[in-house]
Amino acid sequence: MRWTDCRIVAFDTETTGLRPFDGDRIIEFGAVEIRVTPELRVSSVQRHDFLINPGIPIPRESSKISGIGDDDVADEPPFEERADRVRELLKDAILIAHNLSFDLAFIRSELERCDRSWPRTRAEIDTLPLSQRLLSHMRQHKLGMICHELGVELTEAHRASNDAEACGRAFVELARRHHAPEDLDGMVVWADAVSAPPETGHLRVGSRGVAEFIDGPHAGRTIEDHADYLQWMTMALERDGSGWKHRYPEELRSWARRWLRARASGRTRASARGGGAQDWGLDPAPWRPA
């Protein structure tokens, strides 16, 4: 499947602060559905922008950044009334965001508050590490600077749908300039993106909409809760009649390394390790590009 035939949704959030799991809330959600030609040109953009009443006062510092104050959201609905619409927009799409983990954490936190799961997606792409890799000559990789470098217009920055559209267009331009593969699987690898795990019998997308272990000591638990075990799976060996071999197939190990780069690298420092899963802590060194 060509990735340009898929729904492509770039999204962004504005929030009351920086801590989604410590009480901060979303005050604006913006998404754009982008259609892309086979020549990697944006052919159409459909915008979706929701102001959201967070149920708590918006700090002055946050209002200075987004321009959104308490009066602007006083008559807007809470996230719960927008949850199904947000999920529908994100579901079964290639998702694009700048510093995706930030927006992902906020949306998942809001969805969990109203008993909704993260939707199943085709791929989740972060333009921040992508630009760091492809535009390595730049000293900073803020969205506005990347857009300036790529000739992408960004007006009224720090409003959700404006940032989302600029991010989506920047991704398409990066893909065009740097010859991203046409097929979806190839593009996911090229972008170092997160996608559904391969069907090897070890991981699956669970009821929460995220990958979880099928077997082993953490069966039924999400891989993000035990990312150190996922890292061990990329390294684990076992002996057979001809000597040592990897315990898990390369398809799975390649996917796991990509997920770890995107979601979990650098949580702990490197240290001496044994051969068991319990001896491993997260360290980006094993999968850092040469």
C-alpha atoms as a PDB file:
ATOM      1  CA  MET A   1       0.000   0.000   0.000  1.00  0.00           C
ATOM      2  CA  ARG A   2       1.243   3.489  -0.878  1.00  0.00           C
ATOM      3  CA  TRP A   3       1.288   5.732   2.162  1.00  0.00           C
ATOM      4  CA  THR A   4      -0.051   8.623   0.103  1.00  0.00           C
ATOM      5  CA  ASP A   5      -3.277   6.633  -0.322  1.00  0.00           C
ATOM      6  CA  CYS A   6      -3.834   6.595   3.455  1.00  0.00           C
ATOM      7  CA  ARG A   7      -5.512   9.220   5.564  1.00  0.00           C
ATOM      8  CA  ILE A   8      -2.779  11.535   6.886  1.00  0.00           C
ATOM      9  CA  VAL A   9      -3.622  13.504  10.014  1.00  0.00           C
ATOM     10  CA  ALA A  10      -1.282  16.038  11.571  1.00  0.00           C
ATOM     11  CA  PHE A  11      -2.347  17.230  15.009  1.00  0.00           C
ATOM     12  CA  ASP A  12      -1.355  19.491  17.879  1.00  0.00           C
ATOM     13  CA  THR A  13      -2.598  20.486  21.315  1.00  0.00           C
ATOM     14  CA  GLU A  14      -2.493  23.595  23.452  1.00  0.00           C
ATOM     15  CA  THR A  15      -2.524  22.903  27.177  1.00  0.00           C
ATOM     16  CA  THR A  16      -2.624  24.469  30.626  1.00  0.00           C
ATOM     17  CA  GLY A  17       0.941  23.309  31.312  1.00  0.00           C
ATOM     18  CA  LEU A  18       3.534  20.641  30.664  1.00  0.00           C
ATOM     19  CA  ARG A  19       2.444  17.784  32.947  1.00  0.00           C
ATOM     20  CA  PRO A  20      -0.376  15.659  31.541  1.00  0.00           C
ATOM     21  CA  PHE A  21      -0.255  13.143  34.389  1.00  0.00           C
ATOM     22  CA  ASP A  22      -0.112  15.780  37.121  1.00  0.00           C
ATOM     23  CA  GLY A  23      -3.302  17.729  36.504  1.00  0.00           C
ATOM     24  CA  ASP A  24      -2.620  19.766  33.361  1.00  0.00           C
ATOM     25  CA  ARG A  25      -5.329  19.630  30.694  1.00  0.00           C
ATOM     26  CA  ILE A  26      -5.896  20.282  27.002  1.00  0.00           C
ATOM     27  CA  ILE A  27      -7.453  23.639  26.101  1.00  0.00           C
ATOM     28  CA  GLU A  28      -7.320  23.291  22.313  1.00  0.00           C
ATOM     29  CA  PHE A  29      -7.056  20.357  19.928  1.00  0.00           C
ATOM     30  CA  GLY A  30      -6.271  20.948  16.287  1.00  0.00           C
ATOM     31  CA  ALA A  31      -5.927  18.457  13.461  1.00  0.00           C
ATOM     32  CA  VAL A  32      -5.649  18.646   9.697  1.00  0.00           C
ATOM     33  CA  GLU A  33      -6.449  15.873   7.240  1.00  0.00           C
ATOM     34  CA  ILE A  34      -3.943  16.121   4.407  1.00  0.00           C
ATOM     35  CA  ARG A  35      -4.211  14.641   0.945  1.00  0.00           C
ATOM     36  CA  VAL A  36      -0.897  14.066  -0.810  1.00  0.00           C
ATOM     37  CA  THR A  37      -0.251  13.365  -4.487  1.00  0.00           C
ATOM     38  CA  PRO A  38       2.035  10.511  -5.599  1.00  0.00           C
ATOM     39  CA  GLU A  39       4.587  13.244  -6.385  1.00  0.00           C
ATOM     40  CA  LEU A  40       4.511  14.228  -2.681  1.00  0.00           C
ATOM     41  CA  ARG A  41       2.710  17.521  -3.024  1.00  0.00           C
ATOM     42  CA  VAL A  42      -0.100  18.557  -0.690  1.00  0.00           C
ATOM     43  CA  SER A  43      -3.305  18.624  -2.729  1.00  0.00           C
ATOM     44  CA  SER A  44      -5.873  19.461  -0.038  1.00  0.00           C
ATOM     45  CA  VAL A  45      -6.172  20.250   3.659  1.00  0.00           C
ATOM     46  CA  GLN A  46      -9.227  19.858   5.878  1.00  0.00           C
ATOM     47  CA  ARG A  47      -8.937  21.555   9.256  1.00  0.00           C
ATOM     48  CA  HIS A  48     -10.535  20.570  12.564  1.00  0.00           C
ATOM     49  CA  ASP A  49     -10.112  22.829  15.587  1.00  0.00           C
ATOM     50  CA  PHE A  50     -11.781  22.465  18.998  1.00  0.00           C
ATOM     51  CA  LEU A  51     -11.503  24.763  21.975  1.00  0.00           C
ATOM     52  CA  ILE A  52     -11.951  22.775  25.186  1.00  0.00           C
ATOM     53  CA  ASN A  53     -12.932  23.838  28.679  1.00  0.00           C
ATOM     54  CA  PRO A  54     -10.271  22.233  30.908  1.00  0.00           C
ATOM     55  CA  GLY A  55     -12.289  22.621  34.105  1.00  0.00           C
ATOM     56  CA  ILE A  56      -9.388  24.411  35.779  1.00  0.00           C
ATOM     57  CA  PRO A  57      -7.996  27.967  35.492  1.00  0.00           C
ATOM     58  CA  ILE A  58      -5.565  28.517  32.632  1.00  0.00           C
ATOM     59  CA  PRO A  59      -2.255  29.846  34.008  1.00  0.00           C
ATOM     60  CA  ARG A  60      -1.131  33.229  32.765  1.00  0.00           C
ATOM     61  CA  GLU A  61       2.081  31.712  31.389  1.00  0.00           C
ATOM     62  CA  SER A  62       0.103  29.311  29.201  1.00  0.00           C
ATOM     63  CA  SER A  63      -2.186  32.069  27.959  1.00  0.00           C
ATOM     64  CA  LYS A  64       0.824  34.134  26.927  1.00  0.00           C
ATOM     65  CA  ILE A  65       1.965  31.300  24.660  1.00  0.00           C
ATOM     66  CA  SER A  66      -1.323  30.243  23.097  1.00  0.00           C
ATOM     67  CA  GLY A  67      -3.368  33.427  23.423  1.00  0.00           C
ATOM     68  CA  ILE A  68      -6.169  31.333  24.949  1.00  0.00           C
ATOM     69  CA  GLY A  69      -7.591  32.547  28.264  1.00  0.00           C
ATOM     70  CA  ASP A  70     -10.328  31.470  30.647  1.00  0.00           C
ATOM     71  CA  ASP A  71     -12.946  33.626  28.911  1.00  0.00           C
ATOM     72  CA  ASP A  72     -12.208  31.950  25.561  1.00  0.00           C
ATOM     73  CA  VAL A  73     -13.082  28.480  26.849  1.00  0.00           C
ATOM     74  CA  ALA A  74     -15.757  29.348  29.424  1.00  0.00           C
ATOM     75  CA  ASP A  75     -18.623  28.321  27.122  1.00  0.00           C
ATOM     76  CA  GLU A  76     -16.795  25.461  25.404  1.00  0.00           C
ATOM     77  CA  PRO A  77     -17.512  21.778  26.181  1.00  0.00           C
ATOM     78  CA  PRO A  78     -15.137  19.607  28.221  1.00  0.00           C
ATOM     79  CA  PHE A  79     -12.882  17.097  26.479  1.00  0.00           C
ATOM     80  CA  GLU A  80     -15.308  14.286  27.259  1.00  0.00           C
ATOM     81  CA  GLU A  81     -17.785  15.749  24.779  1.00  0.00           C
ATOM     82  CA  ARG A  82     -15.054  15.918  22.131  1.00  0.00           C
ATOM     83  CA  ALA A  83     -13.465  12.528  22.866  1.00  0.00           C
ATOM     84  CA  ASP A  84     -15.306  10.448  20.278  1.00  0.00           C
ATOM     85  CA  ARG A  85     -14.707  13.028  17.559  1.00  0.00           C
ATOM     86  CA  VAL A  86     -10.993  13.199  18.404  1.00  0.00           C
ATOM     87  CA  ARG A  87     -10.699   9.382  18.327  1.00  0.00           C
ATOM     88  CA  GLU A  88     -12.504   9.214  14.994  1.00  0.00           C
ATOM     89  CA  LEU A  89     -10.110  11.746  13.480  1.00  0.00           C
ATOM     90  CA  LEU A  90      -7.041   9.860  14.675  1.00  0.00           C
ATOM     91  CA  LYS A  91      -8.264   6.315  14.018  1.00  0.00           C
ATOM     92  CA  ASP A  92      -6.733   4.339  11.135  1.00  0.00           C
ATOM     93  CA  ALA A  93      -4.620   7.302  10.041  1.00  0.00           C
ATOM     94  CA  ILE A  94      -0.950   8.104   9.647  1.00  0.00           C
ATOM     95  CA  LEU A  95      -0.457  10.522  12.530  1.00  0.00           C
ATOM     96  CA  ILE A  96       2.099  13.317  12.462  1.00  0.00           C
ATOM     97  CA  ALA A  97       3.089  15.688  15.261  1.00  0.00           C
ATOM     98  CA  HIS A  98       6.114  17.710  16.318  1.00  0.00           C
ATOM     99  CA  ASN A  99       7.410  16.353  19.623  1.00  0.00           C
ATOM    100  CA  LEU A 100       4.677  13.753  19.359  1.00  0.00           C
ATOM    101  CA  SER A 101       5.226  12.219  22.788  1.00  0.00           C
ATOM    102  CA  PHE A 102       4.027  15.468  24.427  1.00  0.00           C
ATOM    103  CA  ASP A 103       0.715  15.611  22.550  1.00  0.00           C
ATOM    104  CA  LEU A 104       0.300  11.845  22.738  1.00  0.00           C
ATOM    105  CA  ALA A 105       0.593  11.882  26.521  1.00  0.00           C
ATOM    106  CA  PHE A 106      -2.008  14.626  26.867  1.00  0.00           C
ATOM    107  CA  ILE A 107      -4.540  13.044  24.524  1.00  0.00           C
ATOM    108  CA  ARG A 108      -4.160   9.582  26.037  1.00  0.00           C
ATOM    109  CA  SER A 109      -4.543  11.044  29.516  1.00  0.00           C
ATOM    110  CA  GLU A 110      -7.710  12.875  28.507  1.00  0.00           C
ATOM    111  CA  LEU A 111      -9.109   9.774  26.789  1.00  0.00           C
ATOM    112  CA  GLU A 112      -8.450   7.638  29.857  1.00  0.00           C
ATOM    113  CA  ARG A 113     -10.318  10.133  32.057  1.00  0.00           C
ATOM    114  CA  CYS A 114     -13.461   9.458  30.027  1.00  0.00           C
ATOM    115  CA  ASP A 115     -12.919   5.707  29.608  1.00  0.00           C
ATOM    116  CA  ARG A 116     -11.785   5.853  25.986  1.00  0.00           C
ATOM    117  CA  SER A 117      -8.758   4.048  24.588  1.00  0.00           C
ATOM    118  CA  TRP A 118      -6.127   5.316  22.196  1.00  0.00           C
ATOM    119  CA  PRO A 119      -7.340   4.415  18.666  1.00  0.00           C
ATOM    120  CA  ARG A 120      -5.523   1.977  16.426  1.00  0.00           C
ATOM    121  CA  THR A 121      -3.438   3.911  13.901  1.00  0.00           C
ATOM    122  CA  ARG A 122      -1.419   3.061  10.792  1.00  0.00           C
ATOM    123  CA  ALA A 123       1.704   4.915  11.935  1.00  0.00           C
ATOM    124  CA  GLU A 124       2.732   7.615  14.410  1.00  0.00           C
ATOM    125  CA  ILE A 125       5.460   9.954  13.170  1.00  0.00           C
ATOM    126  CA  ASP A 126       7.396  12.554  15.154  1.00  0.00           C
ATOM    127  CA  THR A 127       8.857  15.303  12.966  1.00  0.00           C
ATOM    128  CA  LEU A 128      11.241  16.425  15.726  1.00  0.00           C
ATOM    129  CA  PRO A 129      13.710  13.497  15.589  1.00  0.00           C
ATOM    130  CA  LEU A 130      13.087  13.211  11.854  1.00  0.00           C
ATOM    131  CA  SER A 131      14.254  16.788  11.321  1.00  0.00           C
ATOM    132  CA  GLN A 132      17.190  16.249  13.674  1.00  0.00           C
ATOM    133  CA  ARG A 133      18.320  13.392  11.455  1.00  0.00           C
ATOM    134  CA  LEU A 134      17.559  14.885   8.033  1.00  0.00           C
ATOM    135  CA  LEU A 135      18.340  18.542   8.804  1.00  0.00           C
ATOM    136  CA  SER A 136      21.344  17.894  11.010  1.00  0.00           C
ATOM    137  CA  HIS A 137      22.990  21.182   9.995  1.00  0.00           C
ATOM    138  CA  MET A 138      20.377  23.115  11.971  1.00  0.00           C
ATOM    139  CA  ARG A 139      21.250  24.038  15.562  1.00  0.00           C
ATOM    140  CA  GLN A 140      17.633  24.037  16.775  1.00  0.00           C
ATOM    141  CA  HIS A 141      14.618  22.124  15.575  1.00  0.00           C
ATOM    142  CA  LYS A 142      11.649  24.151  16.729  1.00  0.00           C
ATOM    143  CA  LEU A 143       8.709  23.854  14.372  1.00  0.00           C
ATOM    144  CA  GLY A 144       8.974  27.447  13.186  1.00  0.00           C
ATOM    145  CA  MET A 145      12.652  27.046  12.339  1.00  0.00           C
ATOM    146  CA  ILE A 146      12.036  23.835  10.437  1.00  0.00           C
ATOM    147  CA  CYS A 147       9.218  25.455   8.465  1.00  0.00           C
ATOM    148  CA  HIS A 148      11.478  28.394   7.584  1.00  0.00           C
ATOM    149  CA  GLU A 149      14.192  25.985   6.411  1.00  0.00           C
ATOM    150  CA  LEU A 150      11.730  24.052   4.246  1.00  0.00           C
ATOM    151  CA  GLY A 151       9.806  27.032   2.891  1.00  0.00           C
ATOM    152  CA  VAL A 152       6.609  26.028   4.710  1.00  0.00           C
ATOM    153  CA  GLU A 153       4.333  28.841   5.871  1.00  0.00           C
ATOM    154  CA  LEU A 154       3.485  29.026   9.581  1.00  0.00           C
ATOM    155  CA  THR A 155       1.173  31.850  10.634  1.00  0.00           C
ATOM    156  CA  GLU A 156      -0.176  32.423  14.147  1.00  0.00           C
ATOM    157  CA  ALA A 157       2.107  29.864  15.746  1.00  0.00           C
ATOM    158  CA  HIS A 158       0.966  28.184  18.965  1.00  0.00           C
ATOM    159  CA  ARG A 159      -2.609  27.789  17.794  1.00  0.00           C
ATOM    160  CA  ALA A 160      -3.285  24.093  17.418  1.00  0.00           C
ATOM    161  CA  SER A 161      -4.570  23.742  13.861  1.00  0.00           C
ATOM    162  CA  ASN A 162      -2.006  26.241  12.497  1.00  0.00           C
ATOM    163  CA  ASP A 163       0.868  24.307  14.058  1.00  0.00           C
ATOM    164  CA  ALA A 164      -0.691  21.020  12.937  1.00  0.00           C
ATOM    165  CA  GLU A 165      -0.938  22.087   9.313  1.00  0.00           C
ATOM    166  CA  ALA A 166       2.606  23.450   9.285  1.00  0.00           C
ATOM    167  CA  CYS A 167       3.871  20.192  10.826  1.00  0.00           C
ATOM    168  CA  GLY A 168       2.035  18.081   8.262  1.00  0.00           C
ATOM    169  CA  ARG A 169       3.303  20.142   5.346  1.00  0.00           C
ATOM    170  CA  ALA A 170       6.848  20.039   6.758  1.00  0.00           C
ATOM    171  CA  PHE A 171       6.687  16.251   6.930  1.00  0.00           C
ATOM    172  CA  VAL A 172       5.534  15.988   3.309  1.00  0.00           C
ATOM    173  CA  GLU A 173       8.334  18.306   2.215  1.00  0.00           C
ATOM    174  CA  LEU A 174      10.910  16.258   4.136  1.00  0.00           C
ATOM    175  CA  ALA A 175       9.555  13.112   2.520  1.00  0.00           C
ATOM    176  CA  ARG A 176       9.776  14.688  -0.954  1.00  0.00           C
ATOM    177  CA  ARG A 177      13.259  16.138  -0.548  1.00  0.00           C
ATOM    178  CA  HIS A 178      14.707  13.036   1.060  1.00  0.00           C
ATOM    179  CA  HIS A 179      13.030  10.451  -1.163  1.00  0.00           C
ATOM    180  CA  ALA A 180      10.846   8.599   1.322  1.00  0.00           C
ATOM    181  CA  PRO A 181       9.793   5.152   0.054  1.00  0.00           C
ATOM    182  CA  GLU A 182       6.399   4.977  -1.648  1.00  0.00           C
ATOM    183  CA  ASP A 183       5.055   1.966   0.234  1.00  0.00           C
ATOM    184  CA  LEU A 184       3.683   2.378   3.750  1.00  0.00           C
ATOM    185  CA  ASP A 185       5.964  -0.151   5.447  1.00  0.00           C
ATOM    186  CA  GLY A 186       9.049   1.358   3.854  1.00  0.00           C
ATOM    187  CA  MET A 187       8.036   4.880   4.817  1.00  0.00           C
ATOM    188  CA  VAL A 188       7.456   3.802   8.432  1.00  0.00           C
ATOM    189  CA  VAL A 189      11.014   2.459   8.616  1.00  0.00           C
ATOM    190  CA  TRP A 190      12.397   5.555   6.847  1.00  0.00           C
ATOM    191  CA  ALA A 191      10.622   7.872   9.291  1.00  0.00           C
ATOM    192  CA  ASP A 192      11.581   5.740  12.301  1.00  0.00           C
ATOM    193  CA  ALA A 193       7.905   5.743  13.133  1.00  0.00           C
ATOM    194  CA  VAL A 194       5.797   3.658  15.488  1.00  0.00           C
ATOM    195  CA  SER A 195       3.311   1.274  13.904  1.00  0.00           C
ATOM    196  CA  ALA A 196       1.407  -1.856  14.905  1.00  0.00           C
ATOM    197  CA  PRO A 197       3.782  -4.675  15.927  1.00  0.00           C
ATOM    198  CA  PRO A 198       4.392  -7.529  13.473  1.00  0.00           C
ATOM    199  CA  GLU A 199       2.268 -10.640  13.894  1.00  0.00           C
ATOM    200  CA  THR A 200       4.954 -12.935  15.272  1.00  0.00           C
ATOM    201  CA  GLY A 201       2.948 -14.151  18.262  1.00  0.00           C
ATOM    202  CA  HIS A 202       4.815 -12.059  20.839  1.00  0.00           C
ATOM    203  CA  LEU A 203       3.154  -8.622  20.786  1.00  0.00           C
ATOM    204  CA  ARG A 204      -0.258  -7.275  19.833  1.00  0.00           C
ATOM    205  CA  VAL A 205      -2.312  -4.107  20.007  1.00  0.00           C
ATOM    206  CA  GLY A 206      -4.391  -4.516  23.160  1.00  0.00           C
ATOM    207  CA  SER A 207      -7.704  -3.125  24.344  1.00  0.00           C
ATOM    208  CA  ARG A 208      -6.050   0.169  25.363  1.00  0.00           C
ATOM    209  CA  GLY A 209      -5.018   0.747  21.750  1.00  0.00           C
ATOM    210  CA  VAL A 210      -1.297   0.280  22.452  1.00  0.00           C
ATOM    211  CA  ALA A 211       1.086  -2.653  22.087  1.00  0.00           C
ATOM    212  CA  GLU A 212       1.199  -5.267  24.826  1.00  0.00           C
ATOM    213  CA  PHE A 213       2.985  -8.555  25.464  1.00  0.00           C
ATOM    214  CA  ILE A 214       1.210 -11.762  24.465  1.00  0.00           C
ATOM    215  CA  ASP A 215       3.422 -14.149  26.437  1.00  0.00           C
ATOM    216  CA  GLY A 216       6.245 -14.109  28.974  1.00  0.00           C
ATOM    217  CA  PRO A 217       6.303 -12.652  32.504  1.00  0.00           C
ATOM    218  CA  HIS A 218       4.451  -9.480  31.430  1.00  0.00           C
ATOM    219  CA  ALA A 219       1.691 -11.080  29.324  1.00  0.00           C
ATOM    220  CA  GLY A 220      -1.245  -8.707  29.005  1.00  0.00           C
ATOM    221  CA  ARG A 221       0.799  -5.681  30.137  1.00  0.00           C
ATOM    222  CA  THR A 222       1.712  -2.786  27.854  1.00  0.00           C
ATOM    223  CA  ILE A 223       5.245  -2.641  26.517  1.00  0.00           C
ATOM    224  CA  GLU A 224       5.631   0.923  27.760  1.00  0.00           C
ATOM    225  CA  ASP A 225       5.210  -0.379  31.308  1.00  0.00           C
ATOM    226  CA  HIS A 226       8.056  -2.832  30.737  1.00  0.00           C
ATOM    227  CA  ALA A 227      10.156  -1.249  28.008  1.00  0.00           C
ATOM    228  CA  ASP A 228      13.314  -2.674  29.607  1.00  0.00           C
ATOM    229  CA  TYR A 229      11.977  -6.174  28.866  1.00  0.00           C
ATOM    230  CA  LEU A 230      11.254  -5.136  25.261  1.00  0.00           C
ATOM    231  CA  GLN A 231      14.857  -3.989  24.949  1.00  0.00           C
ATOM    232  CA  TRP A 232      16.053  -7.325  26.295  1.00  0.00           C
ATOM    233  CA  MET A 233      13.972  -9.047  23.597  1.00  0.00           C
ATOM    234  CA  THR A 234      16.066  -7.268  20.945  1.00  0.00           C
ATOM    235  CA  MET A 235      19.216  -8.857  22.422  1.00  0.00           C
ATOM    236  CA  ALA A 236      18.098 -12.206  23.868  1.00  0.00           C
ATOM    237  CA  LEU A 237      19.948 -15.307  22.669  1.00  0.00           C
ATOM    238  CA  GLU A 238      19.285 -19.013  23.011  1.00  0.00           C
ATOM    239  CA  ARG A 239      21.347 -22.073  22.148  1.00  0.00           C
ATOM    240  CA  ASP A 240      20.351 -24.693  19.625  1.00  0.00           C
ATOM    241  CA  GLY A 241      22.260 -27.569  18.030  1.00  0.00           C
ATOM    242  CA  SER A 242      24.376 -25.247  15.880  1.00  0.00           C
ATOM    243  CA  GLY A 243      25.219 -22.664  18.551  1.00  0.00           C
ATOM    244  CA  TRP A 244      23.719 -19.404  19.751  1.00  0.00           C
ATOM    245  CA  LYS A 245      20.920 -17.610  17.894  1.00  0.00           C
ATOM    246  CA  HIS A 246      18.514 -14.762  18.580  1.00  0.00           C
ATOM    247  CA  ARG A 247      15.484 -15.875  20.541  1.00  0.00           C
ATOM    248  CA  TYR A 248      13.100 -13.555  18.667  1.00  0.00           C
ATOM    249  CA  PRO A 249      12.705 -13.023  14.895  1.00  0.00           C
ATOM    250  CA  GLU A 250      14.428 -10.088  13.215  1.00  0.00           C
ATOM    251  CA  GLU A 251      11.085  -8.614  12.131  1.00  0.00           C
ATOM    252  CA  LEU A 252      10.089  -8.234  15.763  1.00  0.00           C
ATOM    253  CA  ARG A 253      13.518  -7.047  16.926  1.00  0.00           C
ATOM    254  CA  SER A 254      13.634  -4.386  14.210  1.00  0.00           C
ATOM    255  CA  TRP A 255      10.182  -3.139  15.192  1.00  0.00           C
ATOM    256  CA  ALA A 256      11.140  -3.099  18.883  1.00  0.00           C
ATOM    257  CA  ARG A 257      14.311  -1.093  18.232  1.00  0.00           C
ATOM    258  CA  ARG A 258      12.273   1.451  16.287  1.00  0.00           C
ATOM    259  CA  TRP A 259       9.683   1.689  19.073  1.00  0.00           C
ATOM    260  CA  LEU A 260      12.403   2.126  21.692  1.00  0.00           C
ATOM    261  CA  ARG A 261      14.042   4.933  19.742  1.00  0.00           C
ATOM    262  CA  ALA A 262      10.716   6.722  19.455  1.00  0.00           C
ATOM    263  CA  ARG A 263       9.305   6.104  22.909  1.00  0.00           C
ATOM    264  CA  ALA A 264      11.801   4.949  25.506  1.00  0.00           C
ATOM    265  CA  SER A 265      15.482   5.615  24.830  1.00  0.00           C
ATOM    266  CA  GLY A 266      17.659   7.216  27.449  1.00  0.00           C
ATOM    267  CA  ARG A 267      15.645   6.501  30.582  1.00  0.00           C
ATOM    268  CA  THR A 268      18.571   4.949  32.444  1.00  0.00           C
ATOM    269  CA  ARG A 269      22.318   5.045  32.119  1.00  0.00           C
ATOM    270  CA  ALA A 270      24.322   2.215  30.645  1.00  0.00           C
ATOM    271  CA  SER A 271      25.522  -0.366  33.146  1.00  0.00           C
ATOM    272  CA  ALA A 272      26.958  -3.867  33.290  1.00  0.00           C
ATOM    273  CA  ARG A 273      24.368  -6.511  32.480  1.00  0.00           C
ATOM    274  CA  GLY A 274      23.860 -10.219  32.618  1.00  0.00           C
ATOM    275  CA  GLY A 275      21.936 -12.384  30.218  1.00  0.00           C
ATOM    276  CA  GLY A 276      18.526 -12.207  31.870  1.00  0.00           C
ATOM    277  CA  ALA A 277      15.727  -9.747  31.164  1.00  0.00           C
ATOM    278  CA  GLN A 278      15.825  -8.527  34.776  1.00  0.00           C
ATOM    279  CA  ASP A 279      19.410  -7.323  34.302  1.00  0.00           C
ATOM    280  CA  TRP A 280      18.563  -4.759  31.624  1.00  0.00           C
ATOM    281  CA  GLY A 281      17.879  -1.046  31.899  1.00  0.00           C
ATOM    282  CA  LEU A 282      17.037   1.240  28.995  1.00  0.00           C
ATOM    283  CA  ASP A 283      20.042   2.677  27.211  1.00  0.00           C
ATOM    284  CA  PRO A 284      19.996   4.066  23.647  1.00  0.00           C
ATOM    285  CA  ALA A 285      23.491   2.823  22.822  1.00  0.00           C
ATOM    286  CA  PRO A 286      22.542  -0.626  21.417  1.00  0.00           C
ATOM    287  CA  TRP A 287      20.364   0.848  18.682  1.00  0.00           C
ATOM    288  CA  ARG A 288      22.102   4.178  18.111  1.00  0.00           C
ATOM    289  CA  PRO A 289      22.934   4.528  14.382  1.00  0.00           C
ATOM    290  CA  ALA A 290      26.629   4.088  13.602  1.00  0.00           C
END
